[in-house]
Amino acid sequence: MIHIIREPATPEQVAEMSETFGRLLIKLAVDVRKGILAGGGELHADCEQVLLKDGSRQEEIWGADWYPNTGEVGLEALINIRPRQQNYGMEIQDPDLRVQVEVIVRRLMEAQE
């Protein structure tokens, strides 16, 4: 189940977002302008579509992963390949953007632990 998370995720939301991959990982799309994320899809693009329907702009959405068991944030996703934004690989390359995405993910996903 995909949830849009605007406030720290509840344990119930995390459990529902974890259904696709168990507690191994949760795929996310993060809107860096709004400071929100969508999580729980089979693909990062599934989460991205939910944010786009909610009014987010594609150029402000970046893919990430949350690993509930370890509290790690992954910054690789196919949706991050954006030559027009100077991001040529799956991993977010801009150091400031990496920090911004990780801060949003931690703020919204860690609180439920």
PDB file of N, CA and C in Angstrom:
ATOM      1  N   MET A   1       0.849  -1.181   0.000  1.00  0.00           N
ATOM      2  CA  MET A   1       0.000   0.000   0.000  1.00  0.00           C
ATOM      3  C   MET A   1       0.896   1.246   0.000  1.00  0.00           C
ATOM      4  N   ILE A   2       0.563   2.204  -0.838  1.00  0.00           N
ATOM      5  CA  ILE A   2       1.331   3.447  -0.917  1.00  0.00           C
ATOM      6  C   ILE A   2       0.647   4.514  -0.066  1.00  0.00           C
ATOM      7  N   HIS A   3       1.439   5.139   0.778  1.00  0.00           N
ATOM      8  CA  HIS A   3       0.964   6.249   1.602  1.00  0.00           C
ATOM      9  C   HIS A   3       1.742   7.508   1.249  1.00  0.00           C
ATOM     10  N   ILE A   4       1.071   8.656   1.266  1.00  0.00           N
ATOM     11  CA  ILE A   4       1.762   9.935   1.244  1.00  0.00           C
ATOM     12  C   ILE A   4       1.980  10.310   2.704  1.00  0.00           C
ATOM     13  N   ILE A   5       3.230  10.583   3.035  1.00  0.00           N
ATOM     14  CA  ILE A   5       3.598  10.883   4.414  1.00  0.00           C
ATOM     15  C   ILE A   5       3.994  12.354   4.510  1.00  0.00           C
ATOM     16  N   ARG A   6       3.190  13.100   5.260  1.00  0.00           N
ATOM     17  CA  ARG A   6       3.443  14.524   5.472  1.00  0.00           C
ATOM     18  C   ARG A   6       3.928  14.810   6.889  1.00  0.00           C
ATOM     19  N   GLU A   7       3.577  13.925   7.800  1.00  0.00           N
ATOM     20  CA  GLU A   7       3.967  13.984   9.213  1.00  0.00           C
ATOM     21  C   GLU A   7       4.677  12.665   9.510  1.00  0.00           C
ATOM     22  N   PRO A   8       5.422  12.570  10.599  1.00  0.00           N
ATOM     23  CA  PRO A   8       6.099  11.305  10.888  1.00  0.00           C
ATOM     24  C   PRO A   8       5.167  10.103  10.773  1.00  0.00           C
ATOM     25  N   ALA A   9       5.645   9.083  10.085  1.00  0.00           N
ATOM     26  CA  ALA A   9       4.851   7.888   9.818  1.00  0.00           C
ATOM     27  C   ALA A   9       4.502   7.164  11.112  1.00  0.00           C
ATOM     28  N   THR A  10       3.298   6.650  11.159  1.00  0.00           N
ATOM     29  CA  THR A  10       2.865   5.837  12.292  1.00  0.00           C
ATOM     30  C   THR A  10       3.363   4.403  12.080  1.00  0.00           C
ATOM     31  N   PRO A  11       3.433   3.616  13.149  1.00  0.00           N
ATOM     32  CA  PRO A  11       3.804   2.204  12.975  1.00  0.00           C
ATOM     33  C   PRO A  11       2.866   1.472  12.007  1.00  0.00           C
ATOM     34  N   GLU A  12       1.586   1.833  12.015  1.00  0.00           N
ATOM     35  CA  GLU A  12       0.627   1.205  11.103  1.00  0.00           C
ATOM     36  C   GLU A  12       0.953   1.544   9.646  1.00  0.00           C
ATOM     37  N   GLN A  13       1.279   2.809   9.378  1.00  0.00           N
ATOM     38  CA  GLN A  13       1.641   3.200   8.021  1.00  0.00           C
ATOM     39  C   GLN A  13       2.899   2.471   7.562  1.00  0.00           C
ATOM     40  N   VAL A  14       3.886   2.378   8.433  1.00  0.00           N
ATOM     41  CA  VAL A  14       5.124   1.680   8.077  1.00  0.00           C
ATOM     42  C   VAL A  14       4.835   0.207   7.797  1.00  0.00           C
ATOM     43  N   ALA A  15       4.003  -0.411   8.602  1.00  0.00           N
ATOM     44  CA  ALA A  15       3.649  -1.815   8.374  1.00  0.00           C
ATOM     45  C   ALA A  15       2.970  -1.990   7.017  1.00  0.00           C
ATOM     46  N   GLU A  16       2.065  -1.087   6.667  1.00  0.00           N
ATOM     47  CA  GLU A  16       1.381  -1.175   5.380  1.00  0.00           C
ATOM     48  C   GLU A  16       2.333  -0.910   4.223  1.00  0.00           C
ATOM     49  N   MET A  17       3.239   0.052   4.375  1.00  0.00           N
ATOM     50  CA  MET A  17       4.218   0.337   3.316  1.00  0.00           C
ATOM     51  C   MET A  17       5.214  -0.805   3.161  1.00  0.00           C
ATOM     52  N   SER A  18       5.413  -1.586   4.239  1.00  0.00           N
ATOM     53  CA  SER A  18       6.373  -2.696   4.226  1.00  0.00           C
ATOM     54  C   SER A  18       5.819  -3.958   3.586  1.00  0.00           C
ATOM     55  N   GLU A  19       4.540  -3.986   3.279  1.00  0.00           N
ATOM     56  CA  GLU A  19       3.917  -5.204   2.769  1.00  0.00           C
ATOM     57  C   GLU A  19       4.572  -5.729   1.498  1.00  0.00           C
ATOM     58  N   THR A  20       5.058  -4.858   0.638  1.00  0.00           N
ATOM     59  CA  THR A  20       5.623  -5.291  -0.644  1.00  0.00           C
ATOM     60  C   THR A  20       6.908  -6.084  -0.459  1.00  0.00           C
ATOM     61  N   PHE A  21       7.813  -5.624   0.398  1.00  0.00           N
ATOM     62  CA  PHE A  21       9.122  -6.254   0.554  1.00  0.00           C
ATOM     63  C   PHE A  21       9.388  -6.712   1.992  1.00  0.00           C
ATOM     64  N   GLY A  22       8.353  -6.864   2.786  1.00  0.00           N
ATOM     65  CA  GLY A  22       8.563  -7.196   4.186  1.00  0.00           C
ATOM     66  C   GLY A  22       9.253  -6.023   4.862  1.00  0.00           C
ATOM     67  N   ARG A  23       9.934  -6.263   5.947  1.00  0.00           N
ATOM     68  CA  ARG A  23      10.628  -5.157   6.615  1.00  0.00           C
ATOM     69  C   ARG A  23      12.028  -4.970   6.034  1.00  0.00           C
ATOM     70  N   LEU A  24      12.293  -5.540   4.870  1.00  0.00           N
ATOM     71  CA  LEU A  24      13.614  -5.390   4.261  1.00  0.00           C
ATOM     72  C   LEU A  24      13.838  -3.972   3.763  1.00  0.00           C
ATOM     73  N   LEU A  25      12.862  -3.430   3.020  1.00  0.00           N
ATOM     74  CA  LEU A  25      12.997  -2.080   2.506  1.00  0.00           C
ATOM     75  C   LEU A  25      11.644  -1.540   2.100  1.00  0.00           C
ATOM     76  N   ILE A  26      11.577  -0.220   2.059  1.00  0.00           N
ATOM     77  CA  ILE A  26      10.386   0.486   1.575  1.00  0.00           C
ATOM     78  C   ILE A  26      10.866   1.433   0.486  1.00  0.00           C
ATOM     79  N   LYS A  27      10.320   1.280  -0.704  1.00  0.00           N
ATOM     80  CA  LYS A  27      10.666   2.186  -1.797  1.00  0.00           C
ATOM     81  C   LYS A  27       9.922   3.497  -1.603  1.00  0.00           C
ATOM     82  N   LEU A  28      10.629   4.596  -1.851  1.00  0.00           N
ATOM     83  CA  LEU A  28      10.091   5.928  -1.606  1.00  0.00           C
ATOM     84  C   LEU A  28      10.295   6.841  -2.798  1.00  0.00           C
ATOM     85  N   ALA A  29       9.450   7.845  -2.883  1.00  0.00           N
ATOM     86  CA  ALA A  29       9.661   8.997  -3.752  1.00  0.00           C
ATOM     87  C   ALA A  29       9.528  10.208  -2.834  1.00  0.00           C
ATOM     88  N   VAL A  30      10.520  11.094  -2.880  1.00  0.00           N
ATOM     89  CA  VAL A  30      10.595  12.215  -1.951  1.00  0.00           C
ATOM     90  C   VAL A  30      10.451  13.524  -2.722  1.00  0.00           C
ATOM     91  N   ASP A  31       9.488  14.358  -2.315  1.00  0.00           N
ATOM     92  CA  ASP A  31       9.327  15.696  -2.892  1.00  0.00           C
ATOM     93  C   ASP A  31      10.153  16.646  -2.028  1.00  0.00           C
ATOM     94  N   VAL A  32      11.278  17.097  -2.568  1.00  0.00           N
ATOM     95  CA  VAL A  32      12.196  17.916  -1.774  1.00  0.00           C
ATOM     96  C   VAL A  32      11.675  19.330  -1.552  1.00  0.00           C
ATOM     97  N   ARG A  33      10.786  19.818  -2.396  1.00  0.00           N
ATOM     98  CA  ARG A  33      10.222  21.162  -2.198  1.00  0.00           C
ATOM     99  C   ARG A  33       9.180  21.149  -1.088  1.00  0.00           C
ATOM    100  N   LYS A  34       8.302  20.157  -1.115  1.00  0.00           N
ATOM    101  CA  LYS A  34       7.231  20.078  -0.125  1.00  0.00           C
ATOM    102  C   LYS A  34       7.674  19.413   1.179  1.00  0.00           C
ATOM    103  N   GLY A  35       8.785  18.677   1.144  1.00  0.00           N
ATOM    104  CA  GLY A  35       9.246  17.976   2.335  1.00  0.00           C
ATOM    105  C   GLY A  35       8.374  16.800   2.712  1.00  0.00           C
ATOM    106  N   ILE A  36       7.803  16.127   1.696  1.00  0.00           N
ATOM    107  CA  ILE A  36       6.937  14.972   1.922  1.00  0.00           C
ATOM    108  C   ILE A  36       7.476  13.787   1.132  1.00  0.00           C
ATOM    109  N   LEU A  37       6.890  12.624   1.363  1.00  0.00           N
ATOM    110  CA  LEU A  37       7.275  11.456   0.583  1.00  0.00           C
ATOM    111  C   LEU A  37       6.076  10.552   0.384  1.00  0.00           C
ATOM    112  N   ALA A  38       6.203   9.693  -0.612  1.00  0.00           N
ATOM    113  CA  ALA A  38       5.243   8.609  -0.819  1.00  0.00           C
ATOM    114  C   ALA A  38       6.051   7.327  -0.721  1.00  0.00           C
ATOM    115  N   GLY A  39       5.509   6.331  -0.033  1.00  0.00           N
ATOM    116  CA  GLY A  39       6.242   5.094   0.144  1.00  0.00           C
ATOM    117  C   GLY A  39       5.344   3.882   0.098  1.00  0.00           C
ATOM    118  N   GLY A  40       5.948   2.758  -0.318  1.00  0.00           N
ATOM    119  CA  GLY A  40       5.247   1.493  -0.273  1.00  0.00           C
ATOM    120  C   GLY A  40       4.994   0.839  -1.612  1.00  0.00           C
ATOM    121  N   GLY A  41       5.410   1.440  -2.678  1.00  0.00           N
ATOM    122  CA  GLY A  41       5.162   0.856  -3.990  1.00  0.00           C
ATOM    123  C   GLY A  41       6.130  -0.251  -4.334  1.00  0.00           C
ATOM    124  N   GLU A  42       5.792  -0.973  -5.380  1.00  0.00           N
ATOM    125  CA  GLU A  42       6.686  -2.002  -5.894  1.00  0.00           C
ATOM    126  C   GLU A  42       7.876  -1.353  -6.598  1.00  0.00           C
ATOM    127  N   LEU A  43       7.637  -0.189  -7.197  1.00  0.00           N
ATOM    128  CA  LEU A  43       8.672   0.577  -7.894  1.00  0.00           C
ATOM    129  C   LEU A  43       8.689   2.002  -7.344  1.00  0.00           C
ATOM    130  N   HIS A  44       9.841   2.646  -7.439  1.00  0.00           N
ATOM    131  CA  HIS A  44       9.909   4.055  -7.062  1.00  0.00           C
ATOM    132  C   HIS A  44       8.937   4.868  -7.915  1.00  0.00           C
ATOM    133  N   ALA A  45       8.796   4.460  -9.171  1.00  0.00           N
ATOM    134  CA  ALA A  45       7.903   5.172 -10.093  1.00  0.00           C
ATOM    135  C   ALA A  45       6.440   5.103  -9.633  1.00  0.00           C
ATOM    136  N   ASP A  46       6.050   4.028  -8.951  1.00  0.00           N
ATOM    137  CA  ASP A  46       4.686   3.945  -8.411  1.00  0.00           C
ATOM    138  C   ASP A  46       4.464   5.057  -7.389  1.00  0.00           C
ATOM    139  N   CYS A  47       5.447   5.236  -6.527  1.00  0.00           N
ATOM    140  CA  CYS A  47       5.363   6.286  -5.499  1.00  0.00           C
ATOM    141  C   CYS A  47       5.409   7.667  -6.149  1.00  0.00           C
ATOM    142  N   GLU A  48       6.249   7.811  -7.157  1.00  0.00           N
ATOM    143  CA  GLU A  48       6.346   9.079  -7.880  1.00  0.00           C
ATOM    144  C   GLU A  48       4.997   9.458  -8.486  1.00  0.00           C
ATOM    145  N   GLN A  49       4.286   8.492  -9.061  1.00  0.00           N
ATOM    146  CA  GLN A  49       2.987   8.770  -9.672  1.00  0.00           C
ATOM    147  C   GLN A  49       1.979   9.269  -8.645  1.00  0.00           C
ATOM    148  N   VAL A  50       2.020   8.714  -7.441  1.00  0.00           N
ATOM    149  CA  VAL A  50       1.115   9.154  -6.381  1.00  0.00           C
ATOM    150  C   VAL A  50       1.395  10.617  -6.026  1.00  0.00           C
ATOM    151  N   LEU A  51       2.672  10.974  -5.928  1.00  0.00           N
ATOM    152  CA  LEU A  51       3.019  12.372  -5.632  1.00  0.00           C
ATOM    153  C   LEU A  51       2.627  13.303  -6.774  1.00  0.00           C
ATOM    154  N   LEU A  52       2.818  12.859  -8.017  1.00  0.00           N
ATOM    155  CA  LEU A  52       2.430  13.694  -9.163  1.00  0.00           C
ATOM    156  C   LEU A  52       0.923  13.951  -9.144  1.00  0.00           C
ATOM    157  N   LYS A  53       0.141  12.930  -8.848  1.00  0.00           N
ATOM    158  CA  LYS A  53      -1.322  13.103  -8.766  1.00  0.00           C
ATOM    159  C   LYS A  53      -1.711  14.024  -7.618  1.00  0.00           C
ATOM    160  N   ASP A  54      -0.843  14.123  -6.616  1.00  0.00           N
ATOM    161  CA  ASP A  54      -1.081  14.981  -5.454  1.00  0.00           C
ATOM    162  C   ASP A  54      -0.613  16.422  -5.700  1.00  0.00           C
ATOM    163  N   GLY A  55      -0.029  16.682  -6.876  1.00  0.00           N
ATOM    164  CA  GLY A  55       0.373  18.043  -7.205  1.00  0.00           C
ATOM    165  C   GLY A  55       1.854  18.328  -7.161  1.00  0.00           C
ATOM    166  N   SER A  56       2.667  17.326  -6.878  1.00  0.00           N
ATOM    167  CA  SER A  56       4.121  17.524  -6.893  1.00  0.00           C
ATOM    168  C   SER A  56       4.615  17.663  -8.326  1.00  0.00           C
ATOM    169  N   ARG A  57       5.772  18.286  -8.475  1.00  0.00           N
ATOM    170  CA  ARG A  57       6.395  18.440  -9.795  1.00  0.00           C
ATOM    171  C   ARG A  57       7.517  17.426  -9.940  1.00  0.00           C
ATOM    172  N   GLN A  58       7.564  16.774 -11.091  1.00  0.00           N
ATOM    173  CA  GLN A  58       8.498  15.675 -11.319  1.00  0.00           C
ATOM    174  C   GLN A  58       9.937  16.064 -11.022  1.00  0.00           C
ATOM    175  N   GLU A  59      10.349  17.256 -11.394  1.00  0.00           N
ATOM    176  CA  GLU A  59      11.752  17.645 -11.197  1.00  0.00           C
ATOM    177  C   GLU A  59      12.128  17.804  -9.722  1.00  0.00           C
ATOM    178  N   GLU A  60      11.148  17.763  -8.845  1.00  0.00           N
ATOM    179  CA  GLU A  60      11.405  17.899  -7.407  1.00  0.00           C
ATOM    180  C   GLU A  60      11.232  16.579  -6.652  1.00  0.00           C
ATOM    181  N   ILE A  61      10.971  15.499  -7.386  1.00  0.00           N
ATOM    182  CA  ILE A  61      10.771  14.179  -6.782  1.00  0.00           C
ATOM    183  C   ILE A  61      12.004  13.323  -7.046  1.00  0.00           C
ATOM    184  N   TRP A  62      12.520  12.725  -5.974  1.00  0.00           N
ATOM    185  CA  TRP A  62      13.710  11.876  -6.077  1.00  0.00           C
ATOM    186  C   TRP A  62      13.440  10.541  -5.401  1.00  0.00           C
ATOM    187  N   GLY A  63      14.006   9.478  -5.962  1.00  0.00           N
ATOM    188  CA  GLY A  63      13.805   8.144  -5.421  1.00  0.00           C
ATOM    189  C   GLY A  63      14.793   7.813  -4.315  1.00  0.00           C
ATOM    190  N   ALA A  64      14.310   7.081  -3.327  1.00  0.00           N
ATOM    191  CA  ALA A  64      15.133   6.638  -2.210  1.00  0.00           C
ATOM    192  C   ALA A  64      14.534   5.350  -1.643  1.00  0.00           C
ATOM    193  N   ASP A  65      15.262   4.733  -0.733  1.00  0.00           N
ATOM    194  CA  ASP A  65      14.784   3.552  -0.027  1.00  0.00           C
ATOM    195  C   ASP A  65      14.975   3.759   1.462  1.00  0.00           C
ATOM    196  N   TRP A  66      14.079   3.190   2.256  1.00  0.00           N
ATOM    197  CA  TRP A  66      14.200   3.178   3.710  1.00  0.00           C
ATOM    198  C   TRP A  66      14.316   1.722   4.135  1.00  0.00           C
ATOM    199  N   TYR A  67      15.345   1.420   4.917  1.00  0.00           N
ATOM    200  CA  TYR A  67      15.573   0.082   5.435  1.00  0.00           C
ATOM    201  C   TYR A  67      15.159   0.073   6.910  1.00  0.00           C
ATOM    202  N   PRO A  68      13.927  -0.351   7.216  1.00  0.00           N
ATOM    203  CA  PRO A  68      13.408  -0.261   8.581  1.00  0.00           C
ATOM    204  C   PRO A  68      14.246  -0.985   9.636  1.00  0.00           C
ATOM    205  N   ASN A  69      14.833  -2.125   9.270  1.00  0.00           N
ATOM    206  CA  ASN A  69      15.584  -2.897  10.261  1.00  0.00           C
ATOM    207  C   ASN A  69      16.891  -2.244  10.664  1.00  0.00           C
ATOM    208  N   THR A  70      17.491  -1.468   9.753  1.00  0.00           N
ATOM    209  CA  THR A  70      18.806  -0.882  10.037  1.00  0.00           C
ATOM    210  C   THR A  70      18.761   0.636  10.159  1.00  0.00           C
ATOM    211  N   GLY A  71      17.663   1.254   9.730  1.00  0.00           N
ATOM    212  CA  GLY A  71      17.571   2.709   9.763  1.00  0.00           C
ATOM    213  C   GLY A  71      18.411   3.385   8.697  1.00  0.00           C
ATOM    214  N   GLU A  72      18.783   2.648   7.673  1.00  0.00           N
ATOM    215  CA  GLU A  72      19.588   3.218   6.586  1.00  0.00           C
ATOM    216  C   GLU A  72      18.694   3.817   5.506  1.00  0.00           C
ATOM    217  N   VAL A  73      19.252   4.809   4.814  1.00  0.00           N
ATOM    218  CA  VAL A  73      18.586   5.440   3.682  1.00  0.00           C
ATOM    219  C   VAL A  73      19.413   5.142   2.436  1.00  0.00           C
ATOM    220  N   GLY A  74      18.772   4.589   1.412  1.00  0.00           N
ATOM    221  CA  GLY A  74      19.421   4.366   0.127  1.00  0.00           C
ATOM    222  C   GLY A  74      19.003   5.466  -0.833  1.00  0.00           C
ATOM    223  N   LEU A  75      19.918   5.879  -1.685  1.00  0.00           N
ATOM    224  CA  LEU A  75      19.650   7.008  -2.578  1.00  0.00           C
ATOM    225  C   LEU A  75      19.761   6.626  -4.050  1.00  0.00           C
ATOM    226  N   GLU A  76      19.432   5.388  -4.373  1.00  0.00           N
ATOM    227  CA  GLU A  76      19.478   4.914  -5.752  1.00  0.00           C
ATOM    228  C   GLU A  76      18.079   4.556  -6.234  1.00  0.00           C
ATOM    229  N   ALA A  77      17.751   4.986  -7.445  1.00  0.00           N
ATOM    230  CA  ALA A  77      16.467   4.642  -8.064  1.00  0.00           C
ATOM    231  C   ALA A  77      16.528   4.989  -9.539  1.00  0.00           C
ATOM    232  N   LEU A  78      15.822   4.226 -10.340  1.00  0.00           N
ATOM    233  CA  LEU A  78      15.769   4.528 -11.776  1.00  0.00           C
ATOM    234  C   LEU A  78      15.207   5.919 -12.037  1.00  0.00           C
ATOM    235  N   ILE A  79      14.265   6.369 -11.204  1.00  0.00           N
ATOM    236  CA  ILE A  79      13.663   7.683 -11.445  1.00  0.00           C
ATOM    237  C   ILE A  79      14.661   8.820 -11.227  1.00  0.00           C
ATOM    238  N   ASN A  80      15.843   8.498 -10.666  1.00  0.00           N
ATOM    239  CA  ASN A  80      16.860   9.531 -10.442  1.00  0.00           C
ATOM    240  C   ASN A  80      17.726   9.789 -11.673  1.00  0.00           C
ATOM    241  N   ILE A  81      17.597   8.978 -12.707  1.00  0.00           N
ATOM    242  CA  ILE A  81      18.377   9.194 -13.927  1.00  0.00           C
ATOM    243  C   ILE A  81      17.737  10.359 -14.678  1.00  0.00           C
ATOM    244  N   ARG A  82      18.402  11.514 -14.629  1.00  0.00           N
ATOM    245  CA  ARG A  82      17.863  12.743 -15.214  1.00  0.00           C
ATOM    246  C   ARG A  82      18.969  13.596 -15.822  1.00  0.00           C
ATOM    247  N   PRO A  83      19.353  13.298 -17.019  1.00  0.00           N
ATOM    248  CA  PRO A  83      20.402  14.098 -17.646  1.00  0.00           C
ATOM    249  C   PRO A  83      20.085  15.599 -17.684  1.00  0.00           C
ATOM    250  N   ARG A  84      18.829  15.967 -17.876  1.00  0.00           N
ATOM    251  CA  ARG A  84      18.502  17.397 -17.950  1.00  0.00           C
ATOM    252  C   ARG A  84      18.705  18.105 -16.612  1.00  0.00           C
ATOM    253  N   GLN A  85      18.796  17.330 -15.510  1.00  0.00           N
ATOM    254  CA  GLN A  85      19.074  17.894 -14.192  1.00  0.00           C
ATOM    255  C   GLN A  85      20.484  17.509 -13.720  1.00  0.00           C
ATOM    256  N   GLN A  86      21.324  17.130 -14.673  1.00  0.00           N
ATOM    257  CA  GLN A  86      22.716  16.767 -14.418  1.00  0.00           C
ATOM    258  C   GLN A  86      22.863  15.603 -13.437  1.00  0.00           C
ATOM    259  N   ASN A  87      21.902  14.694 -13.419  1.00  0.00           N
ATOM    260  CA  ASN A  87      22.013  13.476 -12.620  1.00  0.00           C
ATOM    261  C   ASN A  87      22.000  12.315 -13.605  1.00  0.00           C
ATOM    262  N   TYR A  88      23.190  11.773 -13.885  1.00  0.00           N
ATOM    263  CA  TYR A  88      23.354  10.828 -14.981  1.00  0.00           C
ATOM    264  C   TYR A  88      23.273   9.362 -14.566  1.00  0.00           C
ATOM    265  N   GLY A  89      23.123   9.098 -13.279  1.00  0.00           N
ATOM    266  CA  GLY A  89      23.041   7.724 -12.807  1.00  0.00           C
ATOM    267  C   GLY A  89      21.850   7.531 -11.891  1.00  0.00           C
ATOM    268  N   MET A  90      21.738   6.316 -11.377  1.00  0.00           N
ATOM    269  CA  MET A  90      20.628   5.991 -10.478  1.00  0.00           C
ATOM    270  C   MET A  90      20.797   6.627  -9.100  1.00  0.00           C
ATOM    271  N   GLU A  91      22.021   6.863  -8.701  1.00  0.00           N
ATOM    272  CA  GLU A  91      22.280   7.452  -7.389  1.00  0.00           C
ATOM    273  C   GLU A  91      22.200   8.977  -7.481  1.00  0.00           C
ATOM    274  N   ILE A  92      21.624   9.603  -6.464  1.00  0.00           N
ATOM    275  CA  ILE A  92      21.579  11.064  -6.418  1.00  0.00           C
ATOM    276  C   ILE A  92      23.013  11.563  -6.279  1.00  0.00           C
ATOM    277  N   GLN A  93      23.446  12.399  -7.214  1.00  0.00           N
ATOM    278  CA  GLN A  93      24.847  12.793  -7.273  1.00  0.00           C
ATOM    279  C   GLN A  93      25.148  14.111  -6.563  1.00  0.00           C
ATOM    280  N   ASP A  94      24.202  15.020  -6.513  1.00  0.00           N
ATOM    281  CA  ASP A  94      24.426  16.315  -5.876  1.00  0.00           C
ATOM    282  C   ASP A  94      24.498  16.127  -4.355  1.00  0.00           C
ATOM    283  N   PRO A  95      25.616  16.489  -3.716  1.00  0.00           N
ATOM    284  CA  PRO A  95      25.766  16.268  -2.273  1.00  0.00           C
ATOM    285  C   PRO A  95      24.706  16.987  -1.438  1.00  0.00           C
ATOM    286  N   ASP A  96      24.348  18.206  -1.811  1.00  0.00           N
ATOM    287  CA  ASP A  96      23.327  18.941  -1.059  1.00  0.00           C
ATOM    288  C   ASP A  96      21.961  18.281  -1.189  1.00  0.00           C
ATOM    289  N   LEU A  97      21.642  17.823  -2.384  1.00  0.00           N
ATOM    290  CA  LEU A  97      20.366  17.134  -2.610  1.00  0.00           C
ATOM    291  C   LEU A  97      20.325  15.811  -1.852  1.00  0.00           C
ATOM    292  N   ARG A  98      21.438  15.099  -1.808  1.00  0.00           N
ATOM    293  CA  ARG A  98      21.521  13.837  -1.047  1.00  0.00           C
ATOM    294  C   ARG A  98      21.160  14.091   0.417  1.00  0.00           C
ATOM    295  N   VAL A  99      21.753  15.142   0.986  1.00  0.00           N
ATOM    296  CA  VAL A  99      21.482  15.482   2.385  1.00  0.00           C
ATOM    297  C   VAL A  99      20.011  15.844   2.556  1.00  0.00           C
ATOM    298  N   GLN A 100      19.487  16.645   1.648  1.00  0.00           N
ATOM    299  CA  GLN A 100      18.095  17.079   1.732  1.00  0.00           C
ATOM    300  C   GLN A 100      17.141  15.882   1.718  1.00  0.00           C
ATOM    301  N   VAL A 101      17.355  14.944   0.802  1.00  0.00           N
ATOM    302  CA  VAL A 101      16.501  13.752   0.719  1.00  0.00           C
ATOM    303  C   VAL A 101      16.626  12.929   1.996  1.00  0.00           C
ATOM    304  N   GLU A 102      17.850  12.719   2.471  1.00  0.00           N
ATOM    305  CA  GLU A 102      18.038  11.903   3.676  1.00  0.00           C
ATOM    306  C   GLU A 102      17.388  12.548   4.901  1.00  0.00           C
ATOM    307  N   VAL A 103      17.490  13.847   5.029  1.00  0.00           N
ATOM    308  CA  VAL A 103      16.871  14.542   6.164  1.00  0.00           C
ATOM    309  C   VAL A 103      15.352  14.355   6.144  1.00  0.00           C
ATOM    310  N   ILE A 104      14.745  14.494   4.969  1.00  0.00           N
ATOM    311  CA  ILE A 104      13.288  14.326   4.855  1.00  0.00           C
ATOM    312  C   ILE A 104      12.895  12.892   5.205  1.00  0.00           C
ATOM    313  N   VAL A 105      13.625  11.920   4.652  1.00  0.00           N
ATOM    314  CA  VAL A 105      13.304  10.514   4.924  1.00  0.00           C
ATOM    315  C   VAL A 105      13.427  10.228   6.417  1.00  0.00           C
ATOM    316  N   ARG A 106      14.492  10.662   7.032  1.00  0.00           N
ATOM    317  CA  ARG A 106      14.680  10.388   8.466  1.00  0.00           C
ATOM    318  C   ARG A 106      13.615  11.086   9.319  1.00  0.00           C
ATOM    319  N   ARG A 107      13.289  12.309   8.979  1.00  0.00           N
ATOM    320  CA  ARG A 107      12.267  13.047   9.747  1.00  0.00           C
ATOM    321  C   ARG A 107      10.920  12.338   9.700  1.00  0.00           C
ATOM    322  N   LEU A 108      10.590  11.780   8.529  1.00  0.00           N
ATOM    323  CA  LEU A 108       9.267  11.185   8.359  1.00  0.00           C
ATOM    324  C   LEU A 108       9.206   9.699   8.678  1.00  0.00           C
ATOM    325  N   MET A 109      10.344   8.991   8.617  1.00  0.00           N
ATOM    326  CA  MET A 109      10.316   7.546   8.800  1.00  0.00           C
ATOM    327  C   MET A 109      10.904   7.065  10.122  1.00  0.00           C
ATOM    328  N   GLU A 110      11.825   7.784  10.714  1.00  0.00           N
ATOM    329  CA  GLU A 110      12.470   7.313  11.949  1.00  0.00           C
ATOM    330  C   GLU A 110      11.584   7.414  13.174  1.00  0.00           C
ATOM    331  N   ALA A 111      10.707   8.344  13.208  1.00  0.00           N
ATOM    332  CA  ALA A 111       9.931   8.616  14.427  1.00  0.00           C
ATOM    333  C   ALA A 111       9.135   7.409  14.883  1.00  0.00           C
ATOM    334  N   GLN A 112       8.760   6.524  13.973  1.00  0.00           N
ATOM    335  CA  GLN A 112       7.927   5.377  14.332  1.00  0.00           C
ATOM    336  C   GLN A 112       8.703   4.284  15.033  1.00  0.00           C
ATOM    337  N   GLU A 113       9.995   4.317  14.986  1.00  0.00           N
ATOM    338  CA  GLU A 113      10.815   3.246  15.564  1.00  0.00           C
ATOM    339  C   GLU A 113      10.610   3.105  17.051  1.00  0.00           C
TER     340      GLU A 113
END
